[in-house]
C-alpha atoms as a PDB file:
ATOM      1  CA  MET A   1      -8.803 -21.745  27.380  1.00  0.00           C
ATOM      2  CA  GLU A   2      -5.197 -21.575  26.225  1.00  0.00           C
ATOM      3  CA  TYR A   3      -2.995 -18.579  27.040  1.00  0.00           C
ATOM      4  CA  THR A   4       0.215 -17.219  25.614  1.00  0.00           C
ATOM      5  CA  HIS A   5       2.500 -14.253  26.194  1.00  0.00           C
ATOM      6  CA  LEU A   6       1.646 -10.965  24.517  1.00  0.00           C
ATOM      7  CA  GLY A   7       4.767 -10.733  22.406  1.00  0.00           C
ATOM      8  CA  ARG A   8       7.925 -10.479  24.484  1.00  0.00           C
ATOM      9  CA  THR A   9       6.037  -9.213  27.544  1.00  0.00           C
ATOM     10  CA  GLY A  10       5.318 -11.172  30.687  1.00  0.00           C
ATOM     11  CA  THR A  11       1.573 -10.632  30.273  1.00  0.00           C
ATOM     12  CA  LYS A  12      -0.520 -13.581  29.159  1.00  0.00           C
ATOM     13  CA  VAL A  13      -3.551 -13.334  26.912  1.00  0.00           C
ATOM     14  CA  SER A  14      -6.060 -15.859  25.631  1.00  0.00           C
ATOM     15  CA  ARG A  15      -5.448 -17.491  22.238  1.00  0.00           C
ATOM     16  CA  LEU A  16      -8.696 -15.881  21.097  1.00  0.00           C
ATOM     17  CA  CYS A  17      -9.215 -12.128  21.163  1.00  0.00           C
ATOM     18  CA  LEU A  18     -12.761 -10.801  21.410  1.00  0.00           C
ATOM     19  CA  GLY A  19     -13.273  -8.130  18.764  1.00  0.00           C
ATOM     20  CA  THR A  20     -16.027  -5.606  19.399  1.00  0.00           C
ATOM     21  CA  MET A  21     -16.322  -3.806  16.068  1.00  0.00           C
ATOM     22  CA  ASN A  22     -19.873  -5.154  15.631  1.00  0.00           C
ATOM     23  CA  PHE A  23     -21.000  -3.797  19.000  1.00  0.00           C
ATOM     24  CA  GLY A  24     -23.375  -0.968  18.238  1.00  0.00           C
ATOM     25  CA  PRO A  25     -23.760  -1.097  14.434  1.00  0.00           C
ATOM     26  CA  TYR A  26     -24.833  -4.762  14.211  1.00  0.00           C
ATOM     27  CA  THR A  27     -25.128  -6.041  17.773  1.00  0.00           C
ATOM     28  CA  ASP A  28     -27.222  -4.136  20.298  1.00  0.00           C
ATOM     29  CA  GLU A  29     -26.099  -3.416  23.842  1.00  0.00           C
ATOM     30  CA  ARG A  30     -27.991  -6.299  25.450  1.00  0.00           C
ATOM     31  CA  GLU A  31     -26.585  -8.910  23.066  1.00  0.00           C
ATOM     32  CA  SER A  32     -23.118  -7.345  23.342  1.00  0.00           C
ATOM     33  CA  PHE A  33     -23.284  -7.800  27.114  1.00  0.00           C
ATOM     34  CA  ARG A  34     -24.273 -11.462  26.661  1.00  0.00           C
ATOM     35  CA  ILE A  35     -21.367 -12.033  24.286  1.00  0.00           C
ATOM     36  CA  MET A  36     -18.854 -10.421  26.654  1.00  0.00           C
ATOM     37  CA  ASP A  37     -20.212 -12.438  29.588  1.00  0.00           C
ATOM     38  CA  ALA A  38     -19.894 -15.637  27.554  1.00  0.00           C
ATOM     39  CA  ALA A  39     -16.391 -14.770  26.360  1.00  0.00           C
ATOM     40  CA  PHE A  40     -15.176 -13.960  29.871  1.00  0.00           C
ATOM     41  CA  ASP A  41     -16.797 -17.088  31.321  1.00  0.00           C
ATOM     42  CA  ARG A  42     -14.974 -19.187  28.722  1.00  0.00           C
ATOM     43  CA  GLY A  43     -11.608 -17.704  29.657  1.00  0.00           C
ATOM     44  CA  ILE A  44     -11.186 -15.064  26.959  1.00  0.00           C
ATOM     45  CA  ASN A  45      -9.296 -12.285  28.734  1.00  0.00           C
ATOM     46  CA  PHE A  46      -8.261 -10.270  25.659  1.00  0.00           C
ATOM     47  CA  PHE A  47     -10.809  -7.689  24.437  1.00  0.00           C
ATOM     48  CA  ASP A  48     -10.099  -5.463  21.422  1.00  0.00           C
ATOM     49  CA  THR A  49     -11.866  -2.305  20.296  1.00  0.00           C
ATOM     50  CA  ALA A  50     -11.055   1.063  18.685  1.00  0.00           C
ATOM     51  CA  ASN A  51     -12.172   4.626  19.287  1.00  0.00           C
ATOM     52  CA  VAL A  52     -13.711   4.835  15.788  1.00  0.00           C
ATOM     53  CA  TYR A  53     -15.825   1.675  16.095  1.00  0.00           C
ATOM     54  CA  GLY A  54     -19.524   2.365  16.004  1.00  0.00           C
ATOM     55  CA  GLY A  55     -20.148   3.468  12.459  1.00  0.00           C
ATOM     56  CA  ASN A  56     -19.776   6.712  10.561  1.00  0.00           C
ATOM     57  CA  ASP A  57     -22.418   8.506  12.588  1.00  0.00           C
ATOM     58  CA  ALA A  58     -21.640   6.888  15.932  1.00  0.00           C
ATOM     59  CA  VAL A  59     -17.882   6.741  16.461  1.00  0.00           C
ATOM     60  CA  GLY A  60     -17.068   5.697  20.006  1.00  0.00           C
ATOM     61  CA  VAL A  61     -20.216   3.632  20.529  1.00  0.00           C
ATOM     62  CA  SER A  62     -18.370   0.319  20.787  1.00  0.00           C
ATOM     63  CA  GLU A  63     -16.088   1.732  23.486  1.00  0.00           C
ATOM     64  CA  GLU A  64     -19.146   3.098  25.282  1.00  0.00           C
ATOM     65  CA  ILE A  65     -20.786  -0.340  25.310  1.00  0.00           C
ATOM     66  CA  LEU A  66     -17.649  -1.843  26.846  1.00  0.00           C
ATOM     67  CA  GLY A  67     -17.605   0.974  29.397  1.00  0.00           C
ATOM     68  CA  LYS A  68     -21.164   0.212  30.461  1.00  0.00           C
ATOM     69  CA  TRP A  69     -20.303  -3.473  30.774  1.00  0.00           C
ATOM     70  CA  PHE A  70     -17.252  -2.661  32.906  1.00  0.00           C
ATOM     71  CA  THR A  71     -19.398  -0.436  35.129  1.00  0.00           C
ATOM     72  CA  ALA A  72     -21.749  -3.350  35.718  1.00  0.00           C
ATOM     73  CA  ASN A  73     -18.865  -5.825  36.099  1.00  0.00           C
ATOM     74  CA  GLN A  74     -16.141  -3.986  37.995  1.00  0.00           C
ATOM     75  CA  GLU A  75     -14.719  -7.241  39.327  1.00  0.00           C
ATOM     76  CA  LYS A  76     -14.016  -8.437  35.767  1.00  0.00           C
ATOM     77  CA  ARG A  77     -12.099  -5.389  34.576  1.00  0.00           C
ATOM     78  CA  ASP A  78      -8.834  -6.382  36.267  1.00  0.00           C
ATOM     79  CA  GLY A  79      -9.004  -9.810  34.635  1.00  0.00           C
ATOM     80  CA  ILE A  80      -9.144  -8.387  31.122  1.00  0.00           C
ATOM     81  CA  ILE A  81      -6.357  -7.155  28.882  1.00  0.00           C
ATOM     82  CA  LEU A  82      -8.150  -4.260  27.223  1.00  0.00           C
ATOM     83  CA  ALA A  83      -6.937  -3.034  23.837  1.00  0.00           C
ATOM     84  CA  THR A  84      -8.126  -0.011  21.915  1.00  0.00           C
ATOM     85  CA  LYS A  85      -6.749   2.091  19.072  1.00  0.00           C
ATOM     86  CA  VAL A  86      -5.933   5.647  18.079  1.00  0.00           C
ATOM     87  CA  TYR A  87      -5.555   7.249  14.634  1.00  0.00           C
ATOM     88  CA  GLY A  88      -9.015   7.501  13.059  1.00  0.00           C
ATOM     89  CA  ARG A  89     -10.932  10.728  12.676  1.00  0.00           C
ATOM     90  CA  MET A  90     -12.907  11.580  15.815  1.00  0.00           C
ATOM     91  CA  GLY A  91     -14.024  15.102  14.923  1.00  0.00           C
ATOM     92  CA  GLU A  92     -13.904  17.816  12.306  1.00  0.00           C
ATOM     93  CA  GLY A  93     -10.898  19.687  13.680  1.00  0.00           C
ATOM     94  CA  PRO A  94      -7.468  19.630  12.008  1.00  0.00           C
ATOM     95  CA  ASN A  95      -6.000  17.725  14.972  1.00  0.00           C
ATOM     96  CA  ASP A  96      -8.844  15.230  15.452  1.00  0.00           C
ATOM     97  CA  ALA A  97      -7.096  12.384  13.627  1.00  0.00           C
ATOM     98  CA  ARG A  98      -3.739  10.695  13.034  1.00  0.00           C
ATOM     99  CA  LEU A  99      -0.860  10.411  15.531  1.00  0.00           C
ATOM    100  CA  SER A 100       0.205  13.893  16.557  1.00  0.00           C
ATOM    101  CA  ALA A 101       0.959  14.266  20.261  1.00  0.00           C
ATOM    102  CA  VAL A 102      -2.051  16.575  20.512  1.00  0.00           C
ATOM    103  CA  HIS A 103      -4.419  13.996  19.054  1.00  0.00           C
ATOM    104  CA  ILE A 104      -2.984  11.032  20.969  1.00  0.00           C
ATOM    105  CA  ARG A 105      -3.355  12.877  24.277  1.00  0.00           C
ATOM    106  CA  LYS A 106      -6.934  13.953  23.571  1.00  0.00           C
ATOM    107  CA  ALA A 107      -7.961  10.600  22.087  1.00  0.00           C
ATOM    108  CA  CYS A 108      -6.592   8.660  25.049  1.00  0.00           C
ATOM    109  CA  GLU A 109      -8.545  10.774  27.549  1.00  0.00           C
ATOM    110  CA  GLU A 110     -11.720  10.362  25.510  1.00  0.00           C
ATOM    111  CA  SER A 111     -11.260   6.584  25.236  1.00  0.00           C
ATOM    112  CA  LEU A 112     -10.698   6.294  28.979  1.00  0.00           C
ATOM    113  CA  ARG A 113     -13.894   8.248  29.562  1.00  0.00           C
ATOM    114  CA  ARG A 114     -15.961   6.082  27.200  1.00  0.00           C
ATOM    115  CA  LEU A 115     -14.440   2.853  28.514  1.00  0.00           C
ATOM    116  CA  LYS A 116     -15.040   3.869  32.151  1.00  0.00           C
ATOM    117  CA  THR A 117     -11.557   2.767  33.139  1.00  0.00           C
ATOM    118  CA  ASP A 118      -8.388   4.432  34.425  1.00  0.00           C
ATOM    119  CA  HIS A 119      -5.979   2.690  32.059  1.00  0.00           C
ATOM    120  CA  ILE A 120      -5.658   1.019  28.666  1.00  0.00           C
ATOM    121  CA  ASP A 121      -3.658  -2.200  28.727  1.00  0.00           C
ATOM    122  CA  LEU A 122      -2.743  -2.098  25.036  1.00  0.00           C
ATOM    123  CA  TYR A 123      -2.945   1.179  23.112  1.00  0.00           C
ATOM    124  CA  GLN A 124      -2.536   0.512  19.397  1.00  0.00           C
ATOM    125  CA  PHE A 125      -1.729   2.840  16.514  1.00  0.00           C
ATOM    126  CA  HIS A 126      -4.531   2.008  14.079  1.00  0.00           C
ATOM    127  CA  HIS A 127      -2.447   2.974  11.039  1.00  0.00           C
ATOM    128  CA  ILE A 128       0.947   4.380  10.201  1.00  0.00           C
ATOM    129  CA  ASP A 129       1.134   8.195  10.209  1.00  0.00           C
ATOM    130  CA  ARG A 130       3.654   9.321   7.604  1.00  0.00           C
ATOM    131  CA  GLU A 131       3.309  12.958   8.668  1.00  0.00           C
ATOM    132  CA  THR A 132       4.276  12.643  12.337  1.00  0.00           C
ATOM    133  CA  PRO A 133       7.862  11.808  13.406  1.00  0.00           C
ATOM    134  CA  TRP A 134       8.324   8.835  15.702  1.00  0.00           C
ATOM    135  CA  GLU A 135      10.177  11.007  18.215  1.00  0.00           C
ATOM    136  CA  GLU A 136       6.930  12.922  18.772  1.00  0.00           C
ATOM    137  CA  ILE A 137       4.780   9.781  18.911  1.00  0.00           C
ATOM    138  CA  TRP A 138       7.037   8.005  21.378  1.00  0.00           C
ATOM    139  CA  GLN A 139       7.424  11.076  23.585  1.00  0.00           C
ATOM    140  CA  GLU A 140       3.661  11.225  24.076  1.00  0.00           C
ATOM    141  CA  MET A 141       3.337   7.473  24.598  1.00  0.00           C
ATOM    142  CA  GLU A 142       6.115   7.587  27.188  1.00  0.00           C
ATOM    143  CA  ARG A 143       4.152  10.287  29.018  1.00  0.00           C
ATOM    144  CA  LEU A 144       0.983   8.167  28.989  1.00  0.00           C
ATOM    145  CA  VAL A 145       2.883   5.139  30.278  1.00  0.00           C
ATOM    146  CA  GLN A 146       4.511   7.164  33.047  1.00  0.00           C
ATOM    147  CA  ALA A 147       1.095   8.567  33.994  1.00  0.00           C
ATOM    148  CA  GLY A 148      -0.264   5.006  34.323  1.00  0.00           C
ATOM    149  CA  LYS A 149      -2.874   5.552  31.609  1.00  0.00           C
ATOM    150  CA  VAL A 150      -1.292   3.087  29.168  1.00  0.00           C
ATOM    151  CA  ILE A 151       0.659  -0.091  29.884  1.00  0.00           C
ATOM    152  CA  TYR A 152       1.721  -1.356  26.446  1.00  0.00           C
ATOM    153  CA  THR A 153       1.739   0.063  22.923  1.00  0.00           C
ATOM    154  CA  GLY A 154       1.033  -1.805  19.720  1.00  0.00           C
ATOM    155  CA  SER A 155       0.580  -1.185  16.020  1.00  0.00           C
ATOM    156  CA  SER A 156      -2.025  -2.124  13.452  1.00  0.00           C
ATOM    157  CA  ASN A 157      -1.791  -2.292   9.672  1.00  0.00           C
ATOM    158  CA  PHE A 158       1.958  -1.589   9.684  1.00  0.00           C
ATOM    159  CA  ALA A 159       4.379  -2.847   7.047  1.00  0.00           C
ATOM    160  CA  GLY A 160       7.459  -4.739   8.202  1.00  0.00           C
ATOM    161  CA  TRP A 161       9.737  -1.742   7.688  1.00  0.00           C
ATOM    162  CA  HIS A 162       7.361   0.460   9.712  1.00  0.00           C
ATOM    163  CA  ILE A 163       7.804  -1.924  12.646  1.00  0.00           C
ATOM    164  CA  ALA A 164      11.595  -1.854  12.242  1.00  0.00           C
ATOM    165  CA  HIS A 165      11.655   1.942  12.013  1.00  0.00           C
ATOM    166  CA  ALA A 166       9.440   2.408  15.069  1.00  0.00           C
ATOM    167  CA  GLN A 167      11.418  -0.063  17.156  1.00  0.00           C
ATOM    168  CA  GLY A 168      14.749   1.455  16.173  1.00  0.00           C
ATOM    169  CA  ILE A 169      13.733   4.858  17.480  1.00  0.00           C
ATOM    170  CA  ALA A 170      12.101   3.365  20.589  1.00  0.00           C
ATOM    171  CA  ARG A 171      15.381   1.634  21.442  1.00  0.00           C
ATOM    172  CA  GLU A 172      17.276   4.896  21.033  1.00  0.00           C
ATOM    173  CA  ARG A 173      14.930   6.365  23.649  1.00  0.00           C
ATOM    174  CA  HIS A 174      15.288   3.297  25.930  1.00  0.00           C
ATOM    175  CA  PHE A 175      11.553   2.699  25.566  1.00  0.00           C
ATOM    176  CA  VAL A 176       9.849  -0.683  25.201  1.00  0.00           C
ATOM    177  CA  GLY A 177       8.092   0.399  22.020  1.00  0.00           C
ATOM    178  CA  LEU A 178       5.692  -1.904  20.219  1.00  0.00           C
ATOM    179  CA  VAL A 179       4.771  -5.248  21.764  1.00  0.00           C
ATOM    180  CA  CYS A 180       2.386  -6.476  19.065  1.00  0.00           C
ATOM    181  CA  GLU A 181       1.098  -5.869  15.548  1.00  0.00           C
ATOM    182  CA  GLN A 182      -2.498  -6.347  14.392  1.00  0.00           C
ATOM    183  CA  SER A 183      -2.917  -7.044  10.689  1.00  0.00           C
ATOM    184  CA  LEU A 184      -5.213  -8.597   8.128  1.00  0.00           C
ATOM    185  CA  TYR A 185      -4.396 -12.307   7.949  1.00  0.00           C
ATOM    186  CA  ASN A 186      -6.373 -15.336   6.929  1.00  0.00           C
ATOM    187  CA  LEU A 187      -6.153 -18.333   4.606  1.00  0.00           C
ATOM    188  CA  ALA A 188      -7.219 -16.272   1.601  1.00  0.00           C
ATOM    189  CA  LEU A 189      -5.047 -13.213   2.330  1.00  0.00           C
ATOM    190  CA  ARG A 190      -1.525 -14.164   3.412  1.00  0.00           C
ATOM    191  CA  THR A 191       0.568 -11.161   2.343  1.00  0.00           C
ATOM    192  CA  VAL A 192       1.868 -10.568   5.890  1.00  0.00           C
ATOM    193  CA  GLU A 193       3.903 -13.771   5.585  1.00  0.00           C
ATOM    194  CA  LEU A 194       6.333 -11.869   3.349  1.00  0.00           C
ATOM    195  CA  GLU A 195       7.674  -9.304   5.819  1.00  0.00           C
ATOM    196  CA  VAL A 196       5.271  -8.455   8.664  1.00  0.00           C
ATOM    197  CA  LEU A 197       5.400 -11.831  10.408  1.00  0.00           C
ATOM    198  CA  PRO A 198       9.209 -12.048  10.063  1.00  0.00           C
ATOM    199  CA  ALA A 199       9.482  -8.526  11.520  1.00  0.00           C
ATOM    200  CA  CYS A 200       7.312  -9.540  14.465  1.00  0.00           C
ATOM    201  CA  ARG A 201       9.510 -12.544  15.144  1.00  0.00           C
ATOM    202  CA  ALA A 202      12.699 -10.483  14.853  1.00  0.00           C
ATOM    203  CA  PHE A 203      11.533  -7.738  17.228  1.00  0.00           C
ATOM    204  CA  GLY A 204       9.600  -9.910  19.676  1.00  0.00           C
ATOM    205  CA  LEU A 205       6.146  -8.624  18.760  1.00  0.00           C
ATOM    206  CA  GLY A 206       3.005 -10.652  19.190  1.00  0.00           C
ATOM    207  CA  PHE A 207       0.700 -10.851  16.194  1.00  0.00           C
ATOM    208  CA  ILE A 208      -3.071 -10.409  16.234  1.00  0.00           C
ATOM    209  CA  ALA A 209      -4.931 -11.474  13.103  1.00  0.00           C
ATOM    210  CA  TRP A 210      -7.951  -9.416  12.132  1.00  0.00           C
ATOM    211  CA  SER A 211     -10.596 -10.644   9.693  1.00  0.00           C
ATOM    212  CA  PRO A 212      -9.593 -14.295  10.218  1.00  0.00           C
ATOM    213  CA  LEU A 213     -12.653 -15.356   8.200  1.00  0.00           C
ATOM    214  CA  ALA A 214     -12.007 -12.909   5.344  1.00  0.00           C
ATOM    215  CA  GLY A 215     -15.089 -10.914   6.240  1.00  0.00           C
ATOM    216  CA  GLY A 216     -17.179 -14.102   6.313  1.00  0.00           C
ATOM    217  CA  ALA A 217     -15.976 -15.593   3.022  1.00  0.00           C
ATOM    218  CA  LEU A 218     -14.304 -18.476   4.913  1.00  0.00           C
ATOM    219  CA  ALA A 219     -17.222 -19.089   7.249  1.00  0.00           C
ATOM    220  CA  GLY A 220     -19.113 -21.459   4.982  1.00  0.00           C
ATOM    221  CA  MET A 221     -22.176 -21.117   2.831  1.00  0.00           C
ATOM    222  CA  PRO A 222     -25.577 -20.615   4.495  1.00  0.00           C
ATOM    223  CA  ASP A 223     -27.998 -23.522   4.419  1.00  0.00           C
ATOM    224  CA  LYS A 224     -31.162 -23.757   2.317  1.00  0.00           C
ATOM    225  CA  THR A 225     -33.008 -21.477   4.728  1.00  0.00           C
ATOM    226  CA  GLY A 226     -30.396 -18.782   4.226  1.00  0.00           C
ATOM    227  CA  ASN A 227     -29.057 -19.211   7.761  1.00  0.00           C
ATOM    228  CA  SER A 228     -25.756 -20.409   9.123  1.00  0.00           C
ATOM    229  CA  LYS A 229     -24.659 -20.832  12.704  1.00  0.00           C
ATOM    230  CA  THR A 230     -21.203 -19.510  11.909  1.00  0.00           C
ATOM    231  CA  ARG A 231     -21.700 -17.355   8.825  1.00  0.00           C
ATOM    232  CA  ARG A 232     -20.546 -13.768   9.362  1.00  0.00           C
ATOM    233  CA  THR A 233     -21.945 -10.782   7.568  1.00  0.00           C
ATOM    234  CA  GLY A 234     -19.038  -9.121   5.841  1.00  0.00           C
ATOM    235  CA  GLY A 235     -21.171  -7.126   3.435  1.00  0.00           C
ATOM    236  CA  GLY A 236     -19.618  -6.210   0.124  1.00  0.00           C
ATOM    237  CA  ARG A 237     -16.095  -7.200   1.132  1.00  0.00           C
ATOM    238  CA  SER A 238     -17.160 -10.744   2.009  1.00  0.00           C
ATOM    239  CA  GLU A 239     -19.147 -11.239  -1.172  1.00  0.00           C
ATOM    240  CA  ALA A 240     -16.371  -9.677  -3.255  1.00  0.00           C
ATOM    241  CA  VAL A 241     -13.871 -12.171  -1.835  1.00  0.00           C
ATOM    242  CA  ARG A 242     -16.265 -15.064  -2.442  1.00  0.00           C
ATOM    243  CA  LEU A 243     -16.838 -14.034  -6.052  1.00  0.00           C
ATOM    244  CA  ARG A 244     -13.166 -13.371  -6.760  1.00  0.00           C
ATOM    245  CA  LEU A 245     -12.082 -16.621  -5.138  1.00  0.00           C
ATOM    246  CA  ALA A 246     -15.070 -18.786  -6.020  1.00  0.00           C
ATOM    247  CA  THR A 247     -12.987 -21.803  -7.061  1.00  0.00           C
ATOM    248  CA  PRO A 248     -10.719 -22.021  -3.967  1.00  0.00           C
ATOM    249  CA  VAL A 249     -13.638 -21.186  -1.656  1.00  0.00           C
ATOM    250  CA  LYS A 250     -15.577 -24.148  -3.064  1.00  0.00           C
ATOM    251  CA  ALA A 251     -12.539 -26.430  -2.738  1.00  0.00           C
ATOM    252  CA  TYR A 252     -12.095 -25.232   0.843  1.00  0.00           C
ATOM    253  CA  GLU A 253     -15.711 -25.872   1.762  1.00  0.00           C
ATOM    254  CA  ASP A 254     -15.569 -29.306   0.101  1.00  0.00           C
ATOM    255  CA  LEU A 255     -12.446 -30.185   2.097  1.00  0.00           C
ATOM    256  CA  CYS A 256     -14.105 -29.148   5.351  1.00  0.00           C
ATOM    257  CA  ARG A 257     -17.263 -31.106   4.537  1.00  0.00           C
ATOM    258  CA  GLU A 258     -15.305 -34.240   3.612  1.00  0.00           C
ATOM    259  CA  ASN A 259     -13.547 -34.152   6.986  1.00  0.00           C
ATOM    260  CA  GLY A 260     -16.612 -33.273   9.049  1.00  0.00           C
ATOM    261  CA  LEU A 261     -15.245 -29.844   9.924  1.00  0.00           C
ATOM    262  CA  ILE A 262     -16.875 -26.409  10.094  1.00  0.00           C
ATOM    263  CA  PRO A 263     -15.197 -23.891   7.753  1.00  0.00           C
ATOM    264  CA  ALA A 264     -15.224 -21.019  10.244  1.00  0.00           C
ATOM    265  CA  GLU A 265     -13.568 -23.174  12.887  1.00  0.00           C
ATOM    266  CA  VAL A 266     -10.947 -24.482  10.472  1.00  0.00           C
ATOM    267  CA  ALA A 267     -10.001 -20.924   9.471  1.00  0.00           C
ATOM    268  CA  LEU A 268      -9.354 -20.025  13.106  1.00  0.00           C
ATOM    269  CA  ALA A 269      -7.616 -23.313  13.889  1.00  0.00           C
ATOM    270  CA  TRP A 270      -5.269 -22.779  10.919  1.00  0.00           C
ATOM    271  CA  LEU A 271      -4.168 -19.405  12.304  1.00  0.00           C
ATOM    272  CA  LEU A 272      -3.578 -20.968  15.718  1.00  0.00           C
ATOM    273  CA  THR A 273      -1.068 -23.416  14.218  1.00  0.00           C
ATOM    274  CA  ASN A 274       1.224 -20.472  13.408  1.00  0.00           C
ATOM    275  CA  LYS A 275       3.604 -19.904  16.320  1.00  0.00           C
ATOM    276  CA  THR A 276       3.933 -16.197  15.509  1.00  0.00           C
ATOM    277  CA  VAL A 277       0.177 -15.652  15.866  1.00  0.00           C
ATOM    278  CA  THR A 278      -0.776 -14.635  19.390  1.00  0.00           C
ATOM    279  CA  ALA A 279      -4.508 -14.704  18.723  1.00  0.00           C
ATOM    280  CA  PRO A 280      -7.005 -14.264  15.922  1.00  0.00           C
ATOM    281  CA  ILE A 281      -9.711 -11.698  16.577  1.00  0.00           C
ATOM    282  CA  THR A 282     -13.184 -13.135  16.614  1.00  0.00           C
ATOM    283  CA  GLY A 283     -15.857 -10.489  16.061  1.00  0.00           C
ATOM    284  CA  PRO A 284     -19.107 -12.284  16.881  1.00  0.00           C
ATOM    285  CA  ARG A 285     -22.519 -10.755  16.313  1.00  0.00           C
ATOM    286  CA  THR A 286     -24.327 -13.623  18.045  1.00  0.00           C
ATOM    287  CA  MET A 287     -23.859 -16.120  20.852  1.00  0.00           C
ATOM    288  CA  GLU A 288     -23.617 -18.955  18.330  1.00  0.00           C
ATOM    289  CA  GLN A 289     -20.611 -17.317  16.751  1.00  0.00           C
ATOM    290  CA  ILE A 290     -18.717 -16.978  20.030  1.00  0.00           C
ATOM    291  CA  GLU A 291     -19.397 -20.664  20.732  1.00  0.00           C
ATOM    292  CA  SER A 292     -18.037 -21.587  17.298  1.00  0.00           C
ATOM    293  CA  ALA A 293     -14.892 -19.518  17.855  1.00  0.00           C
ATOM    294  CA  VAL A 294     -14.155 -21.207  21.182  1.00  0.00           C
ATOM    295  CA  ALA A 295     -14.721 -24.618  19.577  1.00  0.00           C
ATOM    296  CA  ALA A 296     -11.878 -23.875  17.148  1.00  0.00           C
ATOM    297  CA  LEU A 297      -9.386 -24.132  20.029  1.00  0.00           C
ATOM    298  CA  SER A 298     -10.018 -27.867  20.293  1.00  0.00           C
ATOM    299  CA  ILE A 299      -9.432 -28.591  16.603  1.00  0.00           C
ATOM    300  CA  LYS A 300      -6.089 -30.172  15.762  1.00  0.00           C
ATOM    301  CA  LEU A 301      -5.470 -30.022  12.042  1.00  0.00           C
ATOM    302  CA  THR A 302      -3.494 -32.961  10.662  1.00  0.00           C
ATOM    303  CA  ASP A 303      -0.449 -32.483   8.462  1.00  0.00           C
ATOM    304  CA  ASP A 304      -2.469 -33.855   5.557  1.00  0.00           C
ATOM    305  CA  ILE A 305      -5.209 -31.256   5.983  1.00  0.00           C
ATOM    306  CA  LEU A 306      -2.637 -28.484   6.439  1.00  0.00           C
ATOM    307  CA  ASP A 307      -0.959 -29.528   3.191  1.00  0.00           C
ATOM    308  CA  LYS A 308      -4.313 -29.498   1.400  1.00  0.00           C
ATOM    309  CA  LEU A 309      -5.114 -26.061   2.803  1.00  0.00           C
ATOM    310  CA  ASP A 310      -1.781 -24.784   1.491  1.00  0.00           C
ATOM    311  CA  ALA A 311      -2.608 -26.255  -1.908  1.00  0.00           C
ATOM    312  CA  ILE A 312      -5.951 -24.428  -1.962  1.00  0.00           C
ATOM    313  CA  TRP A 313      -4.580 -21.199  -0.453  1.00  0.00           C
ATOM    314  CA  PRO A 314      -0.865 -21.167  -1.407  1.00  0.00           C
ATOM    315  CA  GLY A 315       0.014 -17.760   0.009  1.00  0.00           C
ATOM    316  CA  PRO A 316       2.921 -15.635  -1.251  1.00  0.00           C
ATOM    317  CA  GLY A 317       5.442 -18.481  -1.221  1.00  0.00           C
ATOM    318  CA  GLY A 318       7.091 -17.837   2.130  1.00  0.00           C
ATOM    319  CA  GLN A 319       8.925 -14.844   3.539  1.00  0.00           C
ATOM    320  CA  ALA A 320      10.793 -12.185   1.609  1.00  0.00           C
ATOM    321  CA  PRO A 321      13.093 -12.250  -0.270  1.00  0.00           C
ATOM    322  CA  GLU A 322      13.018 -16.004  -0.855  1.00  0.00           C
ATOM    323  CA  ALA A 323       9.369 -15.825  -1.916  1.00  0.00           C
ATOM    324  CA  TYR A 324      10.318 -13.920  -5.052  1.00  0.00           C
ATOM    325  CA  ALA A 325      14.114 -14.128  -5.329  1.00  0.00           C
ATOM    326  CA  TRP A 326      16.514 -16.489  -3.565  1.00  0.00           C
END
């Protein structure tokens, strides 16, 4: 396994992050345990979840599954950088969502209880909250850090200017602030190259790519039996991407086939060539999928293949403003 620093921190994380969004809704507890065992045994020390994961009627279930695994594997907890998120609706009350100090405090305690741990290594804001001032957010996060319940804070789904705004106020308070951003990024959806990735580089944030396979659209077509060792189930989003991008998806799959490569592994390997990317999140539902994700670490894409991938998936044209001006 390869490791890299989590942004500008001294902490090192694996170049693959184990995503647990499927734990509960699509992957039962027993299989989830097997996947976490396999990930840990292969050197993945970066586990990501969120308090809302589990489905509309079962928020918190994914955290609960991790908590049960930690209870059965206490010796492994210290070896894992555990990330979870706060923002989503966790109840019907007026303060059961978003980033008010009241909700952050309550949500953190509830996540700690479900995760069966005394601290969260990386506590991420799942979305920007335009109704809560950063002074309030940072004051509560400072309290959690001082109490030893949180080590680092991160963001998710932030625009570049949100990162700059948050970091500016954190610096005024002499607080570390954000250490990483987690955003949608894959070959088919490269919008973050405009401003989010440049902001991460400028402020020393790591970058975690979610949906690296575009919900399964980049994982390759199933075989004649309807099965695929690496195909993800992205539901409507995956099929919508495949239909909307049918021509480049076919060209991509043809390129992979011509070079004896597996599409899902190429998609991950492409992200790993970007020096700003700390780790893509792999969200396996099966053991075969975790094996495929780990295999991507050994793939070295040639300049020729990288050029062909850029031709198929050209992206926004670079970073702003050069991508659209000069």
